[in-house]
N, C-alpha and C. Protein backbone atom coordinates (compact mmCIF):
# COMPACT_ATOMS: atom_id res chain seq x y z
N UNK A 1 8.56 19.45 3.94
CA UNK A 1 7.26 19.49 4.61
C UNK A 1 7.34 20.45 5.80
N UNK A 2 6.37 21.30 5.91
CA UNK A 2 6.29 22.22 7.03
C UNK A 2 5.77 21.45 8.25
N UNK A 3 6.47 21.53 9.37
CA UNK A 3 6.09 20.76 10.55
C UNK A 3 5.17 21.50 11.49
N UNK A 4 4.82 22.73 11.19
CA UNK A 4 3.88 23.48 12.04
C UNK A 4 2.45 23.14 11.64
N UNK A 5 1.62 22.72 12.60
CA UNK A 5 0.22 22.41 12.27
C UNK A 5 -0.51 23.65 11.76
N UNK A 6 -1.30 23.47 10.72
CA UNK A 6 -2.13 24.56 10.22
C UNK A 6 -3.33 24.00 9.48
N UNK A 7 -4.33 24.83 9.28
CA UNK A 7 -5.54 24.42 8.56
C UNK A 7 -5.21 23.93 7.16
N UNK A 8 -4.14 24.46 6.57
CA UNK A 8 -3.74 24.06 5.22
C UNK A 8 -3.31 22.60 5.15
N UNK A 9 -2.96 22.02 6.30
CA UNK A 9 -2.58 20.60 6.36
C UNK A 9 -3.78 19.68 6.26
N UNK A 10 -4.97 20.20 6.50
CA UNK A 10 -6.19 19.39 6.52
C UNK A 10 -6.86 19.38 5.15
N UNK A 11 -6.94 18.23 4.57
CA UNK A 11 -7.62 18.08 3.28
C UNK A 11 -9.10 17.82 3.51
N UNK A 12 -9.92 18.34 2.62
CA UNK A 12 -11.36 18.11 2.73
C UNK A 12 -11.88 17.49 1.44
N UNK A 13 -13.02 16.85 1.57
CA UNK A 13 -13.74 16.32 0.42
C UNK A 13 -15.20 16.77 0.53
N UNK A 14 -15.87 16.77 -0.59
CA UNK A 14 -17.26 17.23 -0.62
C UNK A 14 -18.14 16.31 0.22
N UNK A 15 -19.01 16.92 0.99
CA UNK A 15 -20.00 16.18 1.77
C UNK A 15 -21.13 15.75 0.85
N UNK A 16 -21.31 14.48 0.68
CA UNK A 16 -22.35 13.95 -0.21
C UNK A 16 -23.74 14.00 0.40
N UNK A 17 -23.83 14.39 1.68
CA UNK A 17 -25.12 14.41 2.37
C UNK A 17 -25.42 15.78 2.97
N UNK A 18 -25.19 16.83 2.17
CA UNK A 18 -25.44 18.19 2.64
C UNK A 18 -26.91 18.44 2.94
N UNK A 19 -27.80 17.62 2.41
CA UNK A 19 -29.23 17.83 2.59
C UNK A 19 -29.72 17.38 3.97
N UNK A 20 -28.82 16.82 4.79
CA UNK A 20 -29.22 16.40 6.12
C UNK A 20 -28.14 16.74 7.13
N UNK A 21 -28.54 16.85 8.36
CA UNK A 21 -27.57 17.04 9.43
C UNK A 21 -27.23 15.69 10.02
N UNK A 22 -25.96 15.44 10.19
CA UNK A 22 -25.49 14.25 10.86
C UNK A 22 -24.20 14.58 11.59
N UNK A 23 -23.86 13.76 12.54
CA UNK A 23 -22.71 14.04 13.39
C UNK A 23 -21.59 13.04 13.12
N UNK A 24 -20.37 13.56 13.11
CA UNK A 24 -19.18 12.73 12.97
C UNK A 24 -18.37 12.88 14.25
N UNK A 25 -18.01 11.75 14.86
CA UNK A 25 -17.19 11.77 16.07
C UNK A 25 -15.88 11.06 15.78
N UNK A 26 -14.79 11.77 15.99
CA UNK A 26 -13.45 11.24 15.74
C UNK A 26 -12.73 11.19 17.08
N UNK A 27 -12.11 10.06 17.38
CA UNK A 27 -11.34 9.91 18.60
C UNK A 27 -9.88 9.67 18.26
N UNK A 28 -9.02 10.43 18.88
CA UNK A 28 -7.57 10.32 18.66
C UNK A 28 -6.96 9.98 20.02
N UNK A 29 -6.80 8.67 20.32
CA UNK A 29 -6.40 8.26 21.67
C UNK A 29 -4.91 8.37 21.97
N UNK A 30 -4.10 8.69 20.99
CA UNK A 30 -2.65 8.72 21.21
C UNK A 30 -2.04 10.10 20.93
N UNK A 31 -2.79 11.15 21.24
CA UNK A 31 -2.29 12.49 21.02
C UNK A 31 -1.14 12.78 21.99
N UNK A 32 -0.12 13.46 21.50
CA UNK A 32 0.98 13.88 22.36
C UNK A 32 1.52 15.23 21.91
N UNK A 33 1.91 16.01 22.90
CA UNK A 33 2.60 17.29 22.69
C UNK A 33 3.57 17.45 23.86
N UNK A 34 4.11 18.64 24.03
CA UNK A 34 5.12 18.87 25.06
C UNK A 34 4.70 20.06 25.91
N UNK A 35 4.91 19.96 27.21
CA UNK A 35 4.65 21.09 28.10
C UNK A 35 5.64 22.20 27.77
N UNK A 36 5.15 23.41 27.50
CA UNK A 36 6.06 24.49 27.12
C UNK A 36 6.93 24.99 28.29
N UNK A 37 6.56 24.67 29.50
CA UNK A 37 7.34 25.10 30.67
C UNK A 37 8.41 24.10 31.06
N UNK A 38 8.05 22.80 31.06
CA UNK A 38 8.98 21.79 31.58
C UNK A 38 9.65 20.96 30.49
N UNK A 39 9.06 20.96 29.28
CA UNK A 39 9.58 20.12 28.23
C UNK A 39 9.16 18.66 28.36
N UNK A 40 8.35 18.36 29.37
CA UNK A 40 7.88 16.99 29.59
C UNK A 40 6.75 16.67 28.61
N UNK A 41 6.62 15.41 28.21
CA UNK A 41 5.55 15.06 27.27
C UNK A 41 4.18 15.11 27.94
N UNK A 42 3.19 15.53 27.18
CA UNK A 42 1.79 15.49 27.59
C UNK A 42 1.07 14.51 26.67
N UNK A 43 0.19 13.71 27.25
CA UNK A 43 -0.58 12.73 26.49
C UNK A 43 -2.06 13.01 26.68
N UNK A 44 -2.84 12.79 25.63
CA UNK A 44 -4.26 13.07 25.72
C UNK A 44 -5.05 12.23 24.74
N UNK A 45 -6.33 12.17 24.99
CA UNK A 45 -7.31 11.71 24.01
C UNK A 45 -7.97 12.97 23.49
N UNK A 46 -7.91 13.17 22.18
CA UNK A 46 -8.59 14.30 21.55
C UNK A 46 -9.84 13.74 20.86
N UNK A 47 -10.98 14.32 21.16
CA UNK A 47 -12.23 13.93 20.51
C UNK A 47 -12.77 15.13 19.74
N UNK A 48 -13.05 14.90 18.48
CA UNK A 48 -13.62 15.94 17.62
C UNK A 48 -15.01 15.46 17.20
N UNK A 49 -16.01 16.24 17.54
CA UNK A 49 -17.39 15.93 17.15
C UNK A 49 -17.88 17.11 16.32
N UNK A 50 -18.30 16.81 15.07
CA UNK A 50 -18.74 17.91 14.23
C UNK A 50 -19.91 17.51 13.35
N UNK A 51 -20.67 18.53 12.96
CA UNK A 51 -21.76 18.36 12.00
C UNK A 51 -21.29 19.01 10.71
N UNK A 52 -21.02 18.18 9.69
CA UNK A 52 -20.49 18.74 8.44
C UNK A 52 -21.48 19.66 7.75
N UNK A 53 -20.93 20.52 6.92
CA UNK A 53 -21.74 21.35 6.04
C UNK A 53 -21.41 20.94 4.61
N UNK A 54 -20.59 21.68 3.90
CA UNK A 54 -20.26 21.36 2.51
C UNK A 54 -19.09 20.39 2.38
N UNK A 55 -18.26 20.30 3.43
CA UNK A 55 -17.06 19.47 3.34
C UNK A 55 -16.87 18.61 4.59
N UNK A 56 -16.18 17.50 4.42
CA UNK A 56 -15.73 16.67 5.54
C UNK A 56 -14.21 16.62 5.48
N UNK A 57 -13.61 16.38 6.62
CA UNK A 57 -12.15 16.32 6.69
C UNK A 57 -11.70 14.90 6.39
N UNK A 58 -10.72 14.80 5.50
CA UNK A 58 -10.14 13.50 5.14
C UNK A 58 -9.26 13.05 6.30
N UNK A 59 -9.45 11.79 6.76
CA UNK A 59 -8.86 11.34 8.01
C UNK A 59 -7.34 11.16 7.97
N UNK A 60 -6.78 10.76 6.85
CA UNK A 60 -5.32 10.61 6.79
C UNK A 60 -4.66 11.97 6.97
N UNK A 61 -5.21 13.01 6.37
CA UNK A 61 -4.64 14.34 6.56
C UNK A 61 -4.78 14.79 8.00
N UNK A 62 -5.88 14.40 8.66
CA UNK A 62 -6.06 14.72 10.08
C UNK A 62 -4.99 14.01 10.92
N UNK A 63 -4.71 12.76 10.61
CA UNK A 63 -3.68 12.02 11.32
C UNK A 63 -2.32 12.71 11.19
N UNK A 64 -1.97 13.10 9.98
CA UNK A 64 -0.69 13.77 9.75
C UNK A 64 -0.65 15.14 10.43
N UNK A 65 -1.77 15.84 10.43
CA UNK A 65 -1.88 17.13 11.12
C UNK A 65 -1.63 16.95 12.62
N UNK A 66 -2.29 15.97 13.22
CA UNK A 66 -2.17 15.72 14.66
C UNK A 66 -0.74 15.35 15.03
N UNK A 67 -0.06 14.60 14.18
CA UNK A 67 1.32 14.20 14.47
C UNK A 67 2.27 15.40 14.52
N UNK A 68 1.89 16.50 13.92
CA UNK A 68 2.74 17.69 13.92
C UNK A 68 2.84 18.33 15.31
N UNK A 69 1.96 17.96 16.22
CA UNK A 69 2.01 18.49 17.59
C UNK A 69 2.99 17.72 18.48
N UNK A 70 3.49 16.59 18.04
CA UNK A 70 4.28 15.67 18.85
C UNK A 70 5.41 16.34 19.64
N UNK A 71 6.18 17.19 19.03
CA UNK A 71 7.31 17.83 19.68
C UNK A 71 7.08 19.32 19.95
N UNK A 72 5.83 19.76 19.83
CA UNK A 72 5.50 21.18 19.99
C UNK A 72 5.20 21.49 21.44
N UNK A 73 5.82 22.54 21.96
CA UNK A 73 5.50 23.03 23.30
C UNK A 73 4.25 23.89 23.25
N UNK A 74 3.17 23.42 23.91
CA UNK A 74 1.90 24.13 23.83
C UNK A 74 1.03 23.74 25.02
N UNK A 75 0.33 24.72 25.59
CA UNK A 75 -0.56 24.46 26.72
C UNK A 75 -1.80 23.71 26.26
N UNK A 76 -2.42 22.98 27.19
CA UNK A 76 -3.61 22.17 26.90
C UNK A 76 -4.73 23.01 26.30
N UNK A 77 -4.97 24.17 26.88
CA UNK A 77 -6.05 25.05 26.40
C UNK A 77 -5.76 25.53 24.99
N UNK A 78 -4.51 25.86 24.75
CA UNK A 78 -4.12 26.38 23.43
C UNK A 78 -4.24 25.32 22.35
N UNK A 79 -3.78 24.12 22.64
CA UNK A 79 -3.82 23.09 21.60
C UNK A 79 -5.26 22.70 21.26
N UNK A 80 -6.12 22.62 22.27
CA UNK A 80 -7.52 22.25 22.02
C UNK A 80 -8.20 23.32 21.16
N UNK A 81 -8.00 24.58 21.50
CA UNK A 81 -8.59 25.66 20.71
C UNK A 81 -7.97 25.79 19.32
N UNK A 82 -6.70 25.51 19.20
CA UNK A 82 -6.05 25.58 17.90
C UNK A 82 -6.56 24.49 16.96
N UNK A 83 -6.76 23.29 17.49
CA UNK A 83 -7.33 22.21 16.68
C UNK A 83 -8.71 22.63 16.19
N UNK A 84 -9.54 23.18 17.08
CA UNK A 84 -10.86 23.65 16.67
C UNK A 84 -10.75 24.70 15.57
N UNK A 85 -9.89 25.70 15.76
CA UNK A 85 -9.77 26.78 14.78
C UNK A 85 -9.32 26.25 13.42
N UNK A 86 -8.32 25.36 13.40
CA UNK A 86 -7.82 24.83 12.13
C UNK A 86 -8.86 23.94 11.45
N UNK A 87 -9.53 23.09 12.22
CA UNK A 87 -10.57 22.22 11.67
C UNK A 87 -11.71 23.04 11.09
N UNK A 88 -12.09 24.08 11.84
CA UNK A 88 -13.17 24.96 11.38
C UNK A 88 -12.78 25.71 10.11
N UNK A 89 -11.56 26.23 10.06
CA UNK A 89 -11.10 26.94 8.87
C UNK A 89 -11.07 26.02 7.65
N UNK A 90 -10.64 24.78 7.85
CA UNK A 90 -10.51 23.85 6.73
C UNK A 90 -11.86 23.39 6.19
N UNK A 91 -12.83 23.11 7.08
CA UNK A 91 -14.06 22.45 6.63
C UNK A 91 -15.34 23.24 6.82
N UNK A 92 -15.30 24.33 7.60
CA UNK A 92 -16.48 25.16 7.85
C UNK A 92 -17.71 24.33 8.24
N UNK A 93 -17.63 23.57 9.34
CA UNK A 93 -18.77 22.74 9.75
C UNK A 93 -19.92 23.58 10.31
N UNK A 94 -21.08 22.95 10.41
CA UNK A 94 -22.22 23.63 11.03
C UNK A 94 -21.98 23.83 12.52
N UNK A 95 -21.39 22.81 13.15
CA UNK A 95 -21.06 22.83 14.58
C UNK A 95 -19.81 21.99 14.78
N UNK A 96 -19.08 22.32 15.83
CA UNK A 96 -17.90 21.52 16.17
C UNK A 96 -17.62 21.63 17.66
N UNK A 97 -17.20 20.51 18.22
CA UNK A 97 -16.74 20.44 19.60
C UNK A 97 -15.43 19.67 19.59
N UNK A 98 -14.41 20.24 20.22
CA UNK A 98 -13.14 19.54 20.40
C UNK A 98 -12.94 19.38 21.90
N UNK A 99 -12.74 18.14 22.32
CA UNK A 99 -12.50 17.83 23.72
C UNK A 99 -11.10 17.27 23.85
N UNK A 100 -10.29 17.91 24.68
CA UNK A 100 -8.96 17.40 25.00
C UNK A 100 -8.98 16.84 26.40
N UNK A 101 -8.76 15.52 26.53
CA UNK A 101 -8.73 14.86 27.84
C UNK A 101 -7.27 14.48 28.12
N UNK A 102 -6.59 15.34 28.86
CA UNK A 102 -5.16 15.18 29.09
C UNK A 102 -4.89 14.30 30.31
N UNK A 103 -3.95 13.38 30.15
CA UNK A 103 -3.59 12.44 31.21
C UNK A 103 -2.99 13.18 32.40
N UNK A 104 -3.06 12.53 33.55
CA UNK A 104 -2.52 13.12 34.77
C UNK A 104 -1.01 13.26 34.69
N UNK A 105 -0.56 14.42 35.15
CA UNK A 105 0.87 14.65 35.36
C UNK A 105 0.97 15.52 36.59
N UNK A 106 1.77 15.07 37.55
CA UNK A 106 1.85 15.80 38.82
C UNK A 106 0.55 15.74 39.61
N UNK A 107 -0.24 14.69 39.38
CA UNK A 107 -1.49 14.52 40.12
C UNK A 107 -2.66 15.34 39.60
N UNK A 108 -2.52 15.96 38.44
CA UNK A 108 -3.59 16.81 37.90
C UNK A 108 -3.95 16.36 36.49
N UNK A 109 -5.25 16.19 36.26
CA UNK A 109 -5.73 15.95 34.90
C UNK A 109 -6.43 17.21 34.41
N UNK A 110 -6.48 17.35 33.09
CA UNK A 110 -7.14 18.51 32.49
C UNK A 110 -8.07 18.05 31.39
N UNK A 111 -9.30 18.56 31.37
CA UNK A 111 -10.23 18.38 30.27
C UNK A 111 -10.56 19.76 29.73
N UNK A 112 -10.35 19.95 28.43
CA UNK A 112 -10.63 21.24 27.80
C UNK A 112 -11.67 21.01 26.70
N UNK A 113 -12.77 21.78 26.75
CA UNK A 113 -13.82 21.72 25.74
C UNK A 113 -13.82 23.04 24.98
N UNK A 114 -13.65 22.96 23.68
CA UNK A 114 -13.75 24.14 22.82
C UNK A 114 -14.84 23.84 21.80
N UNK A 115 -15.74 24.79 21.58
CA UNK A 115 -16.85 24.53 20.67
C UNK A 115 -17.24 25.77 19.88
N UNK A 116 -17.90 25.52 18.76
CA UNK A 116 -18.41 26.57 17.90
C UNK A 116 -19.66 26.06 17.20
N UNK A 117 -20.72 26.81 17.03
CA UNK A 117 -20.85 28.16 17.55
C UNK A 117 -21.01 28.12 19.06
N UNK A 118 -20.75 29.26 19.64
CA UNK A 118 -20.79 29.37 21.12
C UNK A 118 -22.20 29.40 21.62
C-alpha cells in the first residue's frame, strides 16, 4: 500500500441525486499530522463541506486517506489545500470548502479555509 495521500486513494460512487443541489458536511475530529520543522504532532478538526455533482466520496476510503497524513510533515496551509485538491480531483463537486481547525501549540491556533470555486 502506498502511504502517500493522493486523489487515487479516494473512492467515489455515483450520486443518485444529480438532479438537485444538496450539501454534505463531513467532520474529521481526530486529524493528525506532523510539523515539518519541529517533528511535533499537530492535531486538528478537518471539516469538508461539498455540493456533489456526479459522484460522492465513499467515507471509508476518506478515512483511510486521512490516516495517511498521520506521520507526514506538512504545514497547516498545505495540508488543508491538498485535501481540497485531492477531494476535488476524485469527485469533481460543484462546490467544496475544506476547513482545518488546528489545535493550539505554542499558544497559537490556526484555522485554514480552502474553497472552490473561488
